[in-house]
Protein backbone atom coordinates (compact mmCIF):
# COMPACT_ATOMS: atom_id res chain seq x y z
CA MET A 1 -10.77 -5.16 -8.76
CA PRO A 2 -14.31 -6.13 -9.73
CA GLY A 3 -16.81 -5.64 -6.92
CA ASN A 4 -14.60 -3.15 -5.09
CA THR A 5 -15.56 0.14 -6.75
CA ALA A 6 -15.74 2.22 -3.56
CA TYR A 7 -12.43 0.85 -2.32
CA CYS A 8 -10.72 1.56 -5.65
CA LEU A 9 -12.21 5.05 -5.80
CA SER A 10 -10.89 5.90 -2.33
CA LYS A 11 -7.42 4.56 -3.13
CA GLY A 12 -7.32 6.50 -6.41
CA GLY A 13 -8.42 9.64 -4.59
CA ALA A 14 -5.65 9.22 -2.03
CA ARG A 15 -3.08 8.88 -4.81
CA MET A 16 -4.28 12.04 -6.55
CA LEU A 17 -4.44 13.97 -3.27
CA THR A 18 -0.84 12.92 -2.60
CA ARG A 19 0.30 14.12 -6.01
CA THR A 20 -1.49 17.45 -5.73
CA ALA A 21 -0.49 18.13 -2.12
CA GLY A 22 3.12 17.25 -2.94
CA GLN A 23 3.13 19.88 -5.69
CA GLU A 24 1.42 22.51 -3.58
CA LEU A 25 3.37 21.97 -0.36
CA GLY A 26 6.77 20.96 -1.71
CA PRO A 27 7.90 24.57 -2.18
CA LYS A 28 7.24 25.09 1.53
CA GLY A 29 9.53 22.20 2.46
CA ILE A 30 6.66 19.84 3.21
CA ARG A 31 6.90 16.41 1.60
CA ILE A 32 3.81 14.31 0.97
CA VAL A 33 4.22 10.57 0.48
CA ASN A 34 1.43 8.01 0.45
CA VAL A 35 2.15 4.41 1.44
CA GLY A 36 -0.01 1.79 -0.26
CA PRO A 37 0.24 -1.44 1.72
CA GLY A 38 -1.01 -4.68 0.30
CA ALA A 39 -2.29 -7.58 2.37
CA VAL A 40 -0.77 -7.34 5.85
CA ALA A 41 -1.01 -9.82 8.71
CA THR A 42 -3.17 -7.61 10.95
CA PRO A 43 -6.60 -8.04 12.55
CA ILE A 44 -8.36 -6.71 9.42
CA ASN A 45 -7.26 -9.92 7.67
CA THR A 46 -8.11 -12.33 10.51
CA SER A 47 -10.86 -14.12 8.58
CA THR A 48 -8.62 -14.59 5.55
CA MET A 49 -5.72 -15.83 7.67
CA ALA A 50 -8.02 -18.33 9.42
CA ASP A 51 -9.10 -19.91 6.13
CA PRO A 52 -6.37 -21.99 4.44
CA GLU A 53 -8.15 -21.87 1.08
CA LYS A 54 -8.44 -18.06 1.14
CA MET A 55 -4.79 -17.79 2.15
CA LYS A 56 -3.76 -20.05 -0.71
CA VAL A 57 -5.64 -17.86 -3.21
CA LEU A 58 -4.18 -14.68 -1.73
CA ASP A 59 -0.63 -15.99 -1.51
CA THR A 60 -0.86 -17.16 -5.11
CA ALA A 61 -1.98 -13.68 -6.21
CA ILE A 62 0.98 -11.98 -4.51
CA PRO A 63 4.12 -12.29 -6.62
CA LEU A 64 6.27 -12.61 -3.48
CA GLY A 65 3.93 -15.41 -2.34
CA ARG A 66 2.94 -14.18 1.11
CA MET A 67 1.28 -11.50 3.21
CA ALA A 68 3.42 -8.72 4.64
CA GLU A 69 4.28 -8.45 8.29
CA PRO A 70 3.41 -5.09 9.91
CA SER A 71 7.10 -4.44 10.55
CA GLU A 72 7.76 -4.54 6.80
CA ILE A 73 5.34 -1.66 6.25
CA ALA A 74 6.71 0.21 9.27
CA SER A 75 10.28 -0.02 8.00
CA VAL A 76 9.28 1.64 4.72
CA VAL A 77 7.47 4.42 6.59
CA ALA A 78 10.55 4.93 8.79
CA PHE A 79 12.75 5.16 5.70
CA LEU A 80 10.44 7.69 4.08
CA ALA A 81 10.35 9.81 7.25
CA GLY A 82 14.13 9.75 7.60
CA ASP A 83 17.04 11.13 5.62
CA GLY A 84 16.76 8.32 3.05
CA GLY A 85 13.39 9.66 1.92
CA ALA A 86 14.38 13.33 1.92
CA TYR A 87 13.97 13.69 -1.85
CA ILE A 88 10.76 11.69 -2.24
CA ASN A 89 7.62 13.77 -2.65
CA GLY A 90 4.19 13.65 -4.25
CA THR A 91 4.09 9.93 -4.90
CA THR A 92 2.72 6.65 -3.61
CA VAL A 93 5.07 3.90 -2.53
CA PHE A 94 3.42 0.50 -2.82
CA VAL A 95 4.54 -2.04 -0.25
CA ASP A 96 2.47 -4.94 -1.47
CA GLY A 97 4.76 -7.70 -2.74
CA GLY A 98 3.60 -6.86 -6.27
CA LEU A 99 -0.10 -7.49 -5.52
CA MET A 100 -1.28 -4.24 -7.11
CA HIS A 101 -0.12 -5.37 -10.51
CA SER A 102 -2.06 -8.61 -10.38
CA SER A 103 -5.40 -7.13 -9.18
CA PRO A 104 -7.06 -10.41 -8.24
CA GLY A 105 -10.29 -8.83 -7.01
CA LEU A 106 -10.28 -10.83 -3.79
């Protein structure tokens, strides 16, 4: 994502922290799972959502063609916290409609 070095560095650090903490804490029964949301219809994206041209560029970059709703991220977190996620540890789950793989540098 050209122009977003600090952002990318922080996200990479969070992924590595998740992997390491999962290995260190797993034997104690503590699971560590990072959730990597993509573009979500929340106040942080108000300026993008208010601009039809920016939304068109963003929606085009997301393979599923749209921003996520907050409830879609929440449902993944609820799954991970429940019995369904009981054997998931030390990883990042991306809930981004495939955006990470396109890396548009928006």
